[in-house]
Amino acid sequence: MSGKEEMDMLNKIKEGLDTEGKSPLEALAQISELLNKLELSEEEKEQLKQTLNDKTDQMSAFMKPGLDILPDGNLTMTITLVVAFVVVMTLFVFFGYKLYRSLTEKERKRDEKRKQKQMKKKK
């Protein structure tokens, strides 16, 4: 079966397909019915099935996120992620506290200088 024949066959299937508002299972059932209606040899059916499986695999690989944040059942990975998260949060808190302390110290020193100047003016 040539590429043009495969495209023609897929276009026929697409024309007969109405997936609007249907669940993926219903759409797959409809595709299966349409494929059964086509008069294909077993070899052609197998080639079409393989082509559809390849396309489905490509689509599912495309739809997967780049990084799985929460691994499925891998305890070591989960513990590693939790520890890394805690370390990062601790660093944020530490540097945030240091910044706060530095700013309040500067403010306190400014207030002291201002009071000293006022005391000198009064004398």
PDB file of N, CA and C in Angstrom:
ATOM      1  N   MET A   1       0.853  -1.170   0.000  1.00  0.00           N
ATOM      2  CA  MET A   1       0.000   0.000   0.000  1.00  0.00           C
ATOM      3  C   MET A   1       0.900   1.234   0.000  1.00  0.00           C
ATOM      4  N   SER A   2       0.676   2.134  -0.927  1.00  0.00           N
ATOM      5  CA  SER A   2       1.519   3.322  -1.051  1.00  0.00           C
ATOM      6  C   SER A   2       1.044   4.398  -0.073  1.00  0.00           C
ATOM      7  N   GLY A   3       1.872   5.418   0.046  1.00  0.00           N
ATOM      8  CA  GLY A   3       1.542   6.512   0.955  1.00  0.00           C
ATOM      9  C   GLY A   3       0.274   7.238   0.542  1.00  0.00           C
ATOM     10  N   LYS A   4       0.071   7.384  -0.774  1.00  0.00           N
ATOM     11  CA  LYS A   4      -1.131   8.066  -1.269  1.00  0.00           C
ATOM     12  C   LYS A   4      -2.371   7.249  -0.943  1.00  0.00           C
ATOM     13  N   GLU A   5      -2.282   5.926  -1.108  1.00  0.00           N
ATOM     14  CA  GLU A   5      -3.419   5.067  -0.783  1.00  0.00           C
ATOM     15  C   GLU A   5      -3.738   5.135   0.700  1.00  0.00           C
ATOM     16  N   GLU A   6      -2.700   5.179   1.534  1.00  0.00           N
ATOM     17  CA  GLU A   6      -2.920   5.281   2.982  1.00  0.00           C
ATOM     18  C   GLU A   6      -3.603   6.609   3.322  1.00  0.00           C
ATOM     19  N   MET A   7      -3.150   7.681   2.683  1.00  0.00           N
ATOM     20  CA  MET A   7      -3.760   8.983   2.947  1.00  0.00           C
ATOM     21  C   MET A   7      -5.209   9.017   2.488  1.00  0.00           C
ATOM     22  N   ASP A   8      -5.493   8.412   1.333  1.00  0.00           N
ATOM     23  CA  ASP A   8      -6.873   8.364   0.844  1.00  0.00           C
ATOM     24  C   ASP A   8      -7.754   7.602   1.820  1.00  0.00           C
ATOM     25  N   MET A   9      -7.231   6.474   2.305  1.00  0.00           N
ATOM     26  CA  MET A   9      -7.981   5.660   3.243  1.00  0.00           C
ATOM     27  C   MET A   9      -8.227   6.430   4.547  1.00  0.00           C
ATOM     28  N   LEU A  10      -7.190   7.115   5.039  1.00  0.00           N
ATOM     29  CA  LEU A  10      -7.345   7.883   6.268  1.00  0.00           C
ATOM     30  C   LEU A  10      -8.311   9.050   6.073  1.00  0.00           C
ATOM     31  N   ASN A  11      -8.299   9.660   4.895  1.00  0.00           N
ATOM     32  CA  ASN A  11      -9.252  10.744   4.622  1.00  0.00           C
ATOM     33  C   ASN A  11     -10.685  10.223   4.587  1.00  0.00           C
ATOM     34  N   LYS A  12     -10.898   9.025   4.030  1.00  0.00           N
ATOM     35  CA  LYS A  12     -12.237   8.420   4.036  1.00  0.00           C
ATOM     36  C   LYS A  12     -12.703   8.178   5.467  1.00  0.00           C
ATOM     37  N   ILE A  13     -11.790   7.702   6.287  1.00  0.00           N
ATOM     38  CA  ILE A  13     -12.130   7.449   7.690  1.00  0.00           C
ATOM     39  C   ILE A  13     -12.457   8.772   8.381  1.00  0.00           C
ATOM     40  N   LYS A  14     -11.661   9.779   8.096  1.00  0.00           N
ATOM     41  CA  LYS A  14     -11.862  11.083   8.722  1.00  0.00           C
ATOM     42  C   LYS A  14     -13.215  11.676   8.332  1.00  0.00           C
ATOM     43  N   GLU A  15     -13.603  11.498   7.054  1.00  0.00           N
ATOM     44  CA  GLU A  15     -14.881  12.034   6.597  1.00  0.00           C
ATOM     45  C   GLU A  15     -16.051  11.349   7.298  1.00  0.00           C
ATOM     46  N   GLY A  16     -15.926  10.066   7.558  1.00  0.00           N
ATOM     47  CA  GLY A  16     -17.011   9.331   8.201  1.00  0.00           C
ATOM     48  C   GLY A  16     -17.004   9.446   9.713  1.00  0.00           C
ATOM     49  N   LEU A  17     -16.032  10.119  10.244  1.00  0.00           N
ATOM     50  CA  LEU A  17     -15.850  10.202  11.693  1.00  0.00           C
ATOM     51  C   LEU A  17     -16.495  11.463  12.252  1.00  0.00           C
ATOM     52  N   ASP A  18     -17.295  11.284  13.296  1.00  0.00           N
ATOM     53  CA  ASP A  18     -17.908  12.414  13.990  1.00  0.00           C
ATOM     54  C   ASP A  18     -17.572  12.277  15.468  1.00  0.00           C
ATOM     55  N   THR A  19     -16.492  12.941  15.907  1.00  0.00           N
ATOM     56  CA  THR A  19     -16.030  12.808  17.294  1.00  0.00           C
ATOM     57  C   THR A  19     -16.420  14.008  18.143  1.00  0.00           C
ATOM     58  N   GLU A  20     -17.168  14.928  17.584  1.00  0.00           N
ATOM     59  CA  GLU A  20     -17.544  16.139  18.308  1.00  0.00           C
ATOM     60  C   GLU A  20     -18.334  15.786  19.567  1.00  0.00           C
ATOM     61  N   GLY A  21     -17.802  16.149  20.714  1.00  0.00           N
ATOM     62  CA  GLY A  21     -18.499  15.938  21.981  1.00  0.00           C
ATOM     63  C   GLY A  21     -18.494  14.502  22.476  1.00  0.00           C
ATOM     64  N   LYS A  22     -17.687  13.654  21.875  1.00  0.00           N
ATOM     65  CA  LYS A  22     -17.639  12.254  22.292  1.00  0.00           C
ATOM     66  C   LYS A  22     -16.386  12.005  23.104  1.00  0.00           C
ATOM     67  N   SER A  23     -16.488  10.976  23.952  1.00  0.00           N
ATOM     68  CA  SER A  23     -15.314  10.608  24.736  1.00  0.00           C
ATOM     69  C   SER A  23     -14.313   9.902  23.820  1.00  0.00           C
ATOM     70  N   PRO A  24     -13.040   9.830  24.232  1.00  0.00           N
ATOM     71  CA  PRO A  24     -12.046   9.146  23.405  1.00  0.00           C
ATOM     72  C   PRO A  24     -12.402   7.684  23.142  1.00  0.00           C
ATOM     73  N   LEU A  25     -13.016   7.017  24.107  1.00  0.00           N
ATOM     74  CA  LEU A  25     -13.407   5.615  23.899  1.00  0.00           C
ATOM     75  C   LEU A  25     -14.477   5.497  22.825  1.00  0.00           C
ATOM     76  N   GLU A  26     -15.448   6.408  22.858  1.00  0.00           N
ATOM     77  CA  GLU A  26     -16.489   6.380  21.828  1.00  0.00           C
ATOM     78  C   GLU A  26     -15.890   6.661  20.446  1.00  0.00           C
ATOM     79  N   ALA A  27     -14.943   7.592  20.390  1.00  0.00           N
ATOM     80  CA  ALA A  27     -14.295   7.923  19.116  1.00  0.00           C
ATOM     81  C   ALA A  27     -13.510   6.722  18.596  1.00  0.00           C
ATOM     82  N   LEU A  28     -12.796   6.014  19.492  1.00  0.00           N
ATOM     83  CA  LEU A  28     -12.055   4.825  19.066  1.00  0.00           C
ATOM     84  C   LEU A  28     -12.995   3.732  18.569  1.00  0.00           C
ATOM     85  N   ALA A  29     -14.138   3.579  19.239  1.00  0.00           N
ATOM     86  CA  ALA A  29     -15.117   2.587  18.794  1.00  0.00           C
ATOM     87  C   ALA A  29     -15.638   2.938  17.404  1.00  0.00           C
ATOM     88  N   GLN A  30     -15.871   4.222  17.177  1.00  0.00           N
ATOM     89  CA  GLN A  30     -16.347   4.646  15.862  1.00  0.00           C
ATOM     90  C   GLN A  30     -15.275   4.421  14.801  1.00  0.00           C
ATOM     91  N   ILE A  31     -14.035   4.691  15.114  1.00  0.00           N
ATOM     92  CA  ILE A  31     -12.942   4.439  14.172  1.00  0.00           C
ATOM     93  C   ILE A  31     -12.857   2.946  13.860  1.00  0.00           C
ATOM     94  N   SER A  32     -13.006   2.120  14.873  1.00  0.00           N
ATOM     95  CA  SER A  32     -12.962   0.672  14.678  1.00  0.00           C
ATOM     96  C   SER A  32     -14.072   0.212  13.743  1.00  0.00           C
ATOM     97  N   GLU A  33     -15.279   0.756  13.948  1.00  0.00           N
ATOM     98  CA  GLU A  33     -16.400   0.401  13.063  1.00  0.00           C
ATOM     99  C   GLU A  33     -16.109   0.803  11.618  1.00  0.00           C
ATOM    100  N   LEU A  34     -15.559   2.003  11.443  1.00  0.00           N
ATOM    101  CA  LEU A  34     -15.255   2.471  10.093  1.00  0.00           C
ATOM    102  C   LEU A  34     -14.178   1.613   9.437  1.00  0.00           C
ATOM    103  N   LEU A  35     -13.196   1.188  10.215  1.00  0.00           N
ATOM    104  CA  LEU A  35     -12.143   0.336   9.671  1.00  0.00           C
ATOM    105  C   LEU A  35     -12.694  -1.023   9.265  1.00  0.00           C
ATOM    106  N   ASN A  36     -13.627  -1.533  10.043  1.00  0.00           N
ATOM    107  CA  ASN A  36     -14.232  -2.821   9.704  1.00  0.00           C
ATOM    108  C   ASN A  36     -15.064  -2.731   8.431  1.00  0.00           C
ATOM    109  N   LYS A  37     -15.648  -1.563   8.168  1.00  0.00           N
ATOM    110  CA  LYS A  37     -16.449  -1.376   6.957  1.00  0.00           C
ATOM    111  C   LYS A  37     -15.581  -1.330   5.698  1.00  0.00           C
ATOM    112  N   LEU A  38     -14.329  -0.885   5.852  1.00  0.00           N
ATOM    113  CA  LEU A  38     -13.439  -0.828   4.697  1.00  0.00           C
ATOM    114  C   LEU A  38     -13.100  -2.244   4.248  1.00  0.00           C
ATOM    115  N   GLU A  39     -13.029  -2.414   2.970  1.00  0.00           N
ATOM    116  CA  GLU A  39     -12.698  -3.726   2.417  1.00  0.00           C
ATOM    117  C   GLU A  39     -11.186  -3.780   2.216  1.00  0.00           C
ATOM    118  N   LEU A  40     -10.498  -4.301   3.222  1.00  0.00           N
ATOM    119  CA  LEU A  40      -9.048  -4.374   3.183  1.00  0.00           C
ATOM    120  C   LEU A  40      -8.608  -5.811   3.401  1.00  0.00           C
ATOM    121  N   SER A  41      -7.463  -6.128   2.825  1.00  0.00           N
ATOM    122  CA  SER A  41      -6.886  -7.443   3.093  1.00  0.00           C
ATOM    123  C   SER A  41      -6.303  -7.428   4.504  1.00  0.00           C
ATOM    124  N   GLU A  42      -6.005  -8.602   5.007  1.00  0.00           N
ATOM    125  CA  GLU A  42      -5.439  -8.704   6.360  1.00  0.00           C
ATOM    126  C   GLU A  42      -4.105  -7.958   6.450  1.00  0.00           C
ATOM    127  N   GLU A  43      -3.319  -8.056   5.376  1.00  0.00           N
ATOM    128  CA  GLU A  43      -2.025  -7.367   5.365  1.00  0.00           C
ATOM    129  C   GLU A  43      -2.210  -5.856   5.438  1.00  0.00           C
ATOM    130  N   GLU A  44      -3.164  -5.331   4.669  1.00  0.00           N
ATOM    131  CA  GLU A  44      -3.440  -3.896   4.686  1.00  0.00           C
ATOM    132  C   GLU A  44      -3.974  -3.449   6.046  1.00  0.00           C
ATOM    133  N   LYS A  45      -4.839  -4.274   6.639  1.00  0.00           N
ATOM    134  CA  LYS A  45      -5.359  -3.953   7.971  1.00  0.00           C
ATOM    135  C   LYS A  45      -4.216  -3.894   8.988  1.00  0.00           C
ATOM    136  N   GLU A  46      -3.282  -4.841   8.874  1.00  0.00           N
ATOM    137  CA  GLU A  46      -2.143  -4.879   9.800  1.00  0.00           C
ATOM    138  C   GLU A  46      -1.246  -3.654   9.606  1.00  0.00           C
ATOM    139  N   GLN A  47      -1.024  -3.272   8.327  1.00  0.00           N
ATOM    140  CA  GLN A  47      -0.216  -2.079   8.059  1.00  0.00           C
ATOM    141  C   GLN A  47      -0.893  -0.828   8.610  1.00  0.00           C
ATOM    142  N   LEU A  48      -2.197  -0.723   8.414  1.00  0.00           N
ATOM    143  CA  LEU A  48      -2.945   0.423   8.908  1.00  0.00           C
ATOM    144  C   LEU A  48      -2.916   0.471  10.438  1.00  0.00           C
ATOM    145  N   LYS A  49      -3.072  -0.688  11.031  1.00  0.00           N
ATOM    146  CA  LYS A  49      -3.031  -0.773  12.488  1.00  0.00           C
ATOM    147  C   LYS A  49      -1.668  -0.321  13.010  1.00  0.00           C
ATOM    148  N   GLN A  50      -0.596  -0.770  12.360  1.00  0.00           N
ATOM    149  CA  GLN A  50       0.753  -0.383  12.765  1.00  0.00           C
ATOM    150  C   GLN A  50       0.965   1.117  12.586  1.00  0.00           C
ATOM    151  N   THR A  51       0.486   1.668  11.472  1.00  0.00           N
ATOM    152  CA  THR A  51       0.612   3.100  11.220  1.00  0.00           C
ATOM    153  C   THR A  51      -0.115   3.900  12.293  1.00  0.00           C
ATOM    154  N   LEU A  52      -1.339   3.478  12.613  1.00  0.00           N
ATOM    155  CA  LEU A  52      -2.113   4.188  13.637  1.00  0.00           C
ATOM    156  C   LEU A  52      -1.450   4.077  15.004  1.00  0.00           C
ATOM    157  N   ASN A  53      -0.910   2.903  15.306  1.00  0.00           N
ATOM    158  CA  ASN A  53      -0.213   2.740  16.587  1.00  0.00           C
ATOM    159  C   ASN A  53       1.018   3.641  16.672  1.00  0.00           C
ATOM    160  N   ASP A  54       1.767   3.727  15.561  1.00  0.00           N
ATOM    161  CA  ASP A  54       2.944   4.601  15.540  1.00  0.00           C
ATOM    162  C   ASP A  54       2.544   6.063  15.760  1.00  0.00           C
ATOM    163  N   LYS A  55       1.490   6.488  15.074  1.00  0.00           N
ATOM    164  CA  LYS A  55       1.020   7.873  15.222  1.00  0.00           C
ATOM    165  C   LYS A  55       0.534   8.129  16.648  1.00  0.00           C
ATOM    166  N   THR A  56      -0.158   7.160  17.225  1.00  0.00           N
ATOM    167  CA  THR A  56      -0.637   7.293  18.605  1.00  0.00           C
ATOM    168  C   THR A  56       0.532   7.392  19.568  1.00  0.00           C
ATOM    169  N   ASP A  57       1.569   6.583  19.353  1.00  0.00           N
ATOM    170  CA  ASP A  57       2.759   6.646  20.202  1.00  0.00           C
ATOM    171  C   ASP A  57       3.450   8.004  20.089  1.00  0.00           C
ATOM    172  N   GLN A  58       3.527   8.529  18.869  1.00  0.00           N
ATOM    173  CA  GLN A  58       4.139   9.837  18.671  1.00  0.00           C
ATOM    174  C   GLN A  58       3.344  10.915  19.389  1.00  0.00           C
ATOM    175  N   MET A  59       2.029  10.845  19.296  1.00  0.00           N
ATOM    176  CA  MET A  59       1.184  11.841  19.952  1.00  0.00           C
ATOM    177  C   MET A  59       1.296  11.742  21.470  1.00  0.00           C
ATOM    178  N   SER A  60       1.313  10.533  22.005  1.00  0.00           N
ATOM    179  CA  SER A  60       1.410  10.389  23.457  1.00  0.00           C
ATOM    180  C   SER A  60       2.774  10.852  23.959  1.00  0.00           C
ATOM    181  N   ALA A  61       3.831  10.615  23.170  1.00  0.00           N
ATOM    182  CA  ALA A  61       5.160  11.101  23.551  1.00  0.00           C
ATOM    183  C   ALA A  61       5.197  12.622  23.519  1.00  0.00           C
ATOM    184  N   PHE A  62       4.507  13.207  22.568  1.00  0.00           N
ATOM    185  CA  PHE A  62       4.449  14.665  22.463  1.00  0.00           C
ATOM    186  C   PHE A  62       3.670  15.275  23.615  1.00  0.00           C
ATOM    187  N   MET A  63       2.631  14.587  24.066  1.00  0.00           N
ATOM    188  CA  MET A  63       1.765  15.117  25.112  1.00  0.00           C
ATOM    189  C   MET A  63       2.352  14.955  26.510  1.00  0.00           C
ATOM    190  N   LYS A  64       3.362  14.104  26.663  1.00  0.00           N
ATOM    191  CA  LYS A  64       3.955  13.904  27.992  1.00  0.00           C
ATOM    192  C   LYS A  64       4.722  15.149  28.399  1.00  0.00           C
ATOM    193  N   PRO A  65       4.664  15.487  29.684  1.00  0.00           N
ATOM    194  CA  PRO A  65       5.459  16.637  30.123  1.00  0.00           C
ATOM    195  C   PRO A  65       6.944  16.304  30.082  1.00  0.00           C
ATOM    196  N   GLY A  66       7.762  17.342  29.986  1.00  0.00           N
ATOM    197  CA  GLY A  66       9.206  17.152  29.927  1.00  0.00           C
ATOM    198  C   GLY A  66       9.773  16.521  31.179  1.00  0.00           C
ATOM    199  N   LEU A  67       9.275  16.937  32.320  1.00  0.00           N
ATOM    200  CA  LEU A  67       9.745  16.388  33.587  1.00  0.00           C
ATOM    201  C   LEU A  67       8.523  15.961  34.393  1.00  0.00           C
ATOM    202  N   ASP A  68       8.569  14.788  34.929  1.00  0.00           N
ATOM    203  CA  ASP A  68       7.507  14.363  35.824  1.00  0.00           C
ATOM    204  C   ASP A  68       7.855  14.869  37.210  1.00  0.00           C
ATOM    205  N   ILE A  69       7.055  15.773  37.719  1.00  0.00           N
ATOM    206  CA  ILE A  69       7.326  16.352  39.032  1.00  0.00           C
ATOM    207  C   ILE A  69       7.114  15.300  40.114  1.00  0.00           C
ATOM    208  N   LEU A  70       6.021  14.583  40.038  1.00  0.00           N
ATOM    209  CA  LEU A  70       5.751  13.543  41.029  1.00  0.00           C
ATOM    210  C   LEU A  70       5.912  12.187  40.365  1.00  0.00           C
ATOM    211  N   PRO A  71       6.967  11.482  40.684  1.00  0.00           N
ATOM    212  CA  PRO A  71       7.185  10.181  40.057  1.00  0.00           C
ATOM    213  C   PRO A  71       6.144   9.161  40.530  1.00  0.00           C
ATOM    214  N   ASP A  72       5.920   8.166  39.723  1.00  0.00           N
ATOM    215  CA  ASP A  72       4.920   7.140  40.028  1.00  0.00           C
ATOM    216  C   ASP A  72       5.554   6.017  40.834  1.00  0.00           C
ATOM    217  N   GLY A  73       5.365   6.039  42.142  1.00  0.00           N
ATOM    218  CA  GLY A  73       5.772   4.931  42.980  1.00  0.00           C
ATOM    219  C   GLY A  73       7.256   4.802  43.239  1.00  0.00           C
ATOM    220  N   ASN A  74       8.061   5.734  42.833  1.00  0.00           N
ATOM    221  CA  ASN A  74       9.495   5.651  43.050  1.00  0.00           C
ATOM    222  C   ASN A  74       9.815   6.415  44.332  1.00  0.00           C
ATOM    223  N   LEU A  75       9.948   5.696  45.435  1.00  0.00           N
ATOM    224  CA  LEU A  75      10.129   6.303  46.753  1.00  0.00           C
ATOM    225  C   LEU A  75      11.421   7.098  46.841  1.00  0.00           C
ATOM    226  N   THR A  76      12.503   6.571  46.295  1.00  0.00           N
ATOM    227  CA  THR A  76      13.787   7.263  46.355  1.00  0.00           C
ATOM    228  C   THR A  76      13.704   8.606  45.646  1.00  0.00           C
ATOM    229  N   MET A  77      13.087   8.623  44.494  1.00  0.00           N
ATOM    230  CA  MET A  77      12.954   9.870  43.734  1.00  0.00           C
ATOM    231  C   MET A  77      12.073  10.858  44.489  1.00  0.00           C
ATOM    232  N   THR A  78      11.007  10.375  45.087  1.00  0.00           N
ATOM    233  CA  THR A  78      10.112  11.249  45.848  1.00  0.00           C
ATOM    234  C   THR A  78      10.847  11.868  47.027  1.00  0.00           C
ATOM    235  N   ILE A  79      11.598  11.069  47.753  1.00  0.00           N
ATOM    236  CA  ILE A  79      12.356  11.575  48.905  1.00  0.00           C
ATOM    237  C   ILE A  79      13.382  12.601  48.445  1.00  0.00           C
ATOM    238  N   THR A  80      14.054  12.323  47.330  1.00  0.00           N
ATOM    239  CA  THR A  80      15.045  13.255  46.794  1.00  0.00           C
ATOM    240  C   THR A  80      14.395  14.592  46.441  1.00  0.00           C
ATOM    241  N   LEU A  81      13.240  14.548  45.801  1.00  0.00           N
ATOM    242  CA  LEU A  81      12.549  15.781  45.437  1.00  0.00           C
ATOM    243  C   LEU A  81      12.103  16.559  46.673  1.00  0.00           C
ATOM    244  N   VAL A  82      11.620  15.865  47.687  1.00  0.00           N
ATOM    245  CA  VAL A  82      11.179  16.533  48.913  1.00  0.00           C
ATOM    246  C   VAL A  82      12.370  17.189  49.611  1.00  0.00           C
ATOM    247  N   VAL A  83      13.482  16.472  49.696  1.00  0.00           N
ATOM    248  CA  VAL A  83      14.680  17.035  50.337  1.00  0.00           C
ATOM    249  C   VAL A  83      15.173  18.255  49.556  1.00  0.00           C
ATOM    250  N   ALA A  84      15.203  18.164  48.236  1.00  0.00           N
ATOM    251  CA  ALA A  84      15.640  19.300  47.418  1.00  0.00           C
ATOM    252  C   ALA A  84      14.713  20.497  47.623  1.00  0.00           C
ATOM    253  N   PHE A  85      13.422  20.243  47.686  1.00  0.00           N
ATOM    254  CA  PHE A  85      12.443  21.306  47.910  1.00  0.00           C
ATOM    255  C   PHE A  85      12.670  21.968  49.268  1.00  0.00           C
ATOM    256  N   VAL A  86      12.894  21.162  50.293  1.00  0.00           N
ATOM    257  CA  VAL A  86      13.124  21.696  51.644  1.00  0.00           C
ATOM    258  C   VAL A  86      14.407  22.533  51.671  1.00  0.00           C
ATOM    259  N   VAL A  87      15.460  22.059  51.022  1.00  0.00           N
ATOM    260  CA  VAL A  87      16.718  22.812  50.990  1.00  0.00           C
ATOM    261  C   VAL A  87      16.520  24.156  50.298  1.00  0.00           C
ATOM    262  N   VAL A  88      15.839  24.163  49.175  1.00  0.00           N
ATOM    263  CA  VAL A  88      15.609  25.411  48.441  1.00  0.00           C
ATOM    264  C   VAL A  88      14.770  26.370  49.279  1.00  0.00           C
ATOM    265  N   MET A  89      13.729  25.859  49.909  1.00  0.00           N
ATOM    266  CA  MET A  89      12.887  26.712  50.742  1.00  0.00           C
ATOM    267  C   MET A  89      13.674  27.258  51.932  1.00  0.00           C
ATOM    268  N   THR A  90      14.536  26.434  52.519  1.00  0.00           N
ATOM    269  CA  THR A  90      15.370  26.896  53.635  1.00  0.00           C
ATOM    270  C   THR A  90      16.290  28.017  53.189  1.00  0.00           C
ATOM    271  N   LEU A  91      16.870  27.889  52.008  1.00  0.00           N
ATOM    272  CA  LEU A  91      17.731  28.948  51.481  1.00  0.00           C
ATOM    273  C   LEU A  91      16.949  30.253  51.270  1.00  0.00           C
ATOM    274  N   PHE A  92      15.732  30.142  50.716  1.00  0.00           N
ATOM    275  CA  PHE A  92      14.906  31.327  50.532  1.00  0.00           C
ATOM    276  C   PHE A  92      14.599  31.990  51.869  1.00  0.00           C
ATOM    277  N   VAL A  93      14.242  31.191  52.856  1.00  0.00           N
ATOM    278  CA  VAL A  93      13.921  31.742  54.172  1.00  0.00           C
ATOM    279  C   VAL A  93      15.160  32.382  54.785  1.00  0.00           C
ATOM    280  N   PHE A  94      16.288  31.722  54.698  1.00  0.00           N
ATOM    281  CA  PHE A  94      17.525  32.243  55.278  1.00  0.00           C
ATOM    282  C   PHE A  94      17.893  33.594  54.670  1.00  0.00           C
ATOM    283  N   PHE A  95      17.947  33.652  53.337  1.00  0.00           N
ATOM    284  CA  PHE A  95      18.327  34.902  52.695  1.00  0.00           C
ATOM    285  C   PHE A  95      17.261  35.978  52.867  1.00  0.00           C
ATOM    286  N   GLY A  96      16.010  35.582  52.920  1.00  0.00           N
ATOM    287  CA  GLY A  96      14.942  36.538  53.197  1.00  0.00           C
ATOM    288  C   GLY A  96      15.097  37.140  54.578  1.00  0.00           C
ATOM    289  N   TYR A  97      15.413  36.310  55.559  1.00  0.00           N
ATOM    290  CA  TYR A  97      15.619  36.795  56.925  1.00  0.00           C
ATOM    291  C   TYR A  97      16.824  37.730  56.998  1.00  0.00           C
ATOM    292  N   LYS A  98      17.918  37.336  56.318  1.00  0.00           N
ATOM    293  CA  LYS A  98      19.118  38.189  56.312  1.00  0.00           C
ATOM    294  C   LYS A  98      18.802  39.558  55.686  1.00  0.00           C
ATOM    295  N   LEU A  99      18.051  39.562  54.603  1.00  0.00           N
ATOM    296  CA  LEU A  99      17.676  40.814  53.950  1.00  0.00           C
ATOM    297  C   LEU A  99      16.824  41.663  54.879  1.00  0.00           C
ATOM    298  N   TYR A 100      15.853  41.039  55.520  1.00  0.00           N
ATOM    299  CA  TYR A 100      14.984  41.753  56.452  1.00  0.00           C
ATOM    300  C   TYR A 100      15.805  42.352  57.591  1.00  0.00           C
ATOM    301  N   ARG A 101      16.691  41.552  58.155  1.00  0.00           N
ATOM    302  CA  ARG A 101      17.525  42.020  59.260  1.00  0.00           C
ATOM    303  C   ARG A 101      18.423  43.181  58.828  1.00  0.00           C
ATOM    304  N   SER A 102      18.995  43.082  57.655  1.00  0.00           N
ATOM    305  CA  SER A 102      19.856  44.142  57.141  1.00  0.00           C
ATOM    306  C   SER A 102      19.066  45.436  56.938  1.00  0.00           C
ATOM    307  N   LEU A 103      17.895  45.346  56.354  1.00  0.00           N
ATOM    308  CA  LEU A 103      17.086  46.542  56.112  1.00  0.00           C
ATOM    309  C   LEU A 103      16.621  47.179  57.413  1.00  0.00           C
ATOM    310  N   THR A 104      16.210  46.355  58.367  1.00  0.00           N
ATOM    311  CA  THR A 104      15.773  46.926  59.645  1.00  0.00           C
ATOM    312  C   THR A 104      16.948  47.556  60.393  1.00  0.00           C
ATOM    313  N   GLU A 105      18.133  46.960  60.287  1.00  0.00           N
ATOM    314  CA  GLU A 105      19.329  47.518  60.929  1.00  0.00           C
ATOM    315  C   GLU A 105      19.679  48.873  60.311  1.00  0.00           C
ATOM    316  N   LYS A 106      19.623  48.985  58.997  1.00  0.00           N
ATOM    317  CA  LYS A 106      19.891  50.260  58.329  1.00  0.00           C
ATOM    318  C   LYS A 106      18.880  51.318  58.762  1.00  0.00           C
ATOM    319  N   GLU A 107      17.626  50.926  58.842  1.00  0.00           N
ATOM    320  CA  GLU A 107      16.571  51.844  59.257  1.00  0.00           C
ATOM    321  C   GLU A 107      16.806  52.315  60.697  1.00  0.00           C
ATOM    322  N   ARG A 108      17.201  51.408  61.555  1.00  0.00           N
ATOM    323  CA  ARG A 108      17.465  51.741  62.950  1.00  0.00           C
ATOM    324  C   ARG A 108      18.643  52.720  63.050  1.00  0.00           C
ATOM    325  N   LYS A 109      19.700  52.470  62.279  1.00  0.00           N
ATOM    326  CA  LYS A 109      20.865  53.371  62.293  1.00  0.00           C
ATOM    327  C   LYS A 109      20.494  54.763  61.782  1.00  0.00           C
ATOM    328  N   ARG A 110      19.665  54.840  60.736  1.00  0.00           N
ATOM    329  CA  ARG A 110      19.215  56.138  60.225  1.00  0.00           C
ATOM    330  C   ARG A 110      18.438  56.899  61.290  1.00  0.00           C
ATOM    331  N   ASP A 111      17.561  56.161  61.980  1.00  0.00           N
ATOM    332  CA  ASP A 111      16.781  56.804  63.035  1.00  0.00           C
ATOM    333  C   ASP A 111      17.695  57.329  64.139  1.00  0.00           C
ATOM    334  N   GLU A 112      18.716  56.558  64.524  1.00  0.00           N
ATOM    335  CA  GLU A 112      19.648  56.992  65.562  1.00  0.00           C
ATOM    336  C   GLU A 112      20.402  58.242  65.124  1.00  0.00           C
ATOM    337  N   LYS A 113      20.864  58.269  63.856  1.00  0.00           N
ATOM    338  CA  LYS A 113      21.573  59.445  63.349  1.00  0.00           C
ATOM    339  C   LYS A 113      20.657  60.662  63.347  1.00  0.00           C
ATOM    340  N   ARG A 114      19.425  60.469  62.952  1.00  0.00           N
ATOM    341  CA  ARG A 114      18.464  61.564  62.906  1.00  0.00           C
ATOM    342  C   ARG A 114      18.231  62.117  64.321  1.00  0.00           C
ATOM    343  N   LYS A 115      18.114  61.222  65.279  1.00  0.00           N
ATOM    344  CA  LYS A 115      17.907  61.654  66.669  1.00  0.00           C
ATOM    345  C   LYS A 115      19.134  62.409  67.189  1.00  0.00           C
ATOM    346  N   GLN A 116      20.320  61.924  66.825  1.00  0.00           N
ATOM    347  CA  GLN A 116      21.543  62.604  67.259  1.00  0.00           C
ATOM    348  C   GLN A 116      21.628  64.000  66.666  1.00  0.00           C
ATOM    349  N   LYS A 117      21.246  64.162  65.426  1.00  0.00           N
ATOM    350  CA  LYS A 117      21.274  65.481  64.787  1.00  0.00           C
ATOM    351  C   LYS A 117      20.275  66.417  65.472  1.00  0.00           C
ATOM    352  N   GLN A 118      19.113  65.874  65.802  1.00  0.00           N
ATOM    353  CA  GLN A 118      18.116  66.692  66.467  1.00  0.00           C
ATOM    354  C   GLN A 118      18.606  67.117  67.850  1.00  0.00           C
ATOM    355  N   MET A 119      19.293  66.193  68.537  1.00  0.00           N
ATOM    356  CA  MET A 119      19.825  66.512  69.865  1.00  0.00           C
ATOM    357  C   MET A 119      20.884  67.619  69.748  1.00  0.00           C
ATOM    358  N   LYS A 120      21.723  67.575  68.724  1.00  0.00           N
ATOM    359  CA  LYS A 120      22.769  68.594  68.525  1.00  0.00           C
ATOM    360  C   LYS A 120      22.132  69.936  68.223  1.00  0.00           C
ATOM    361  N   LYS A 121      21.045  69.960  67.449  1.00  0.00           N
ATOM    362  CA  LYS A 121      20.375  71.199  67.096  1.00  0.00           C
ATOM    363  C   LYS A 121      19.751  71.835  68.345  1.00  0.00           C
ATOM    364  N   LYS A 122      19.220  71.011  69.226  1.00  0.00           N
ATOM    365  CA  LYS A 122      18.586  71.522  70.436  1.00  0.00           C
ATOM    366  C   LYS A 122      19.607  72.101  71.395  1.00  0.00           C
ATOM    367  N   LYS A 123      20.799  71.622  71.413  1.00  0.00           N
ATOM    368  CA  LYS A 123      21.843  72.123  72.335  1.00  0.00           C
ATOM    369  C   LYS A 123      22.302  73.418  71.853  1.00  0.00           C
TER     370      LYS A 123
END
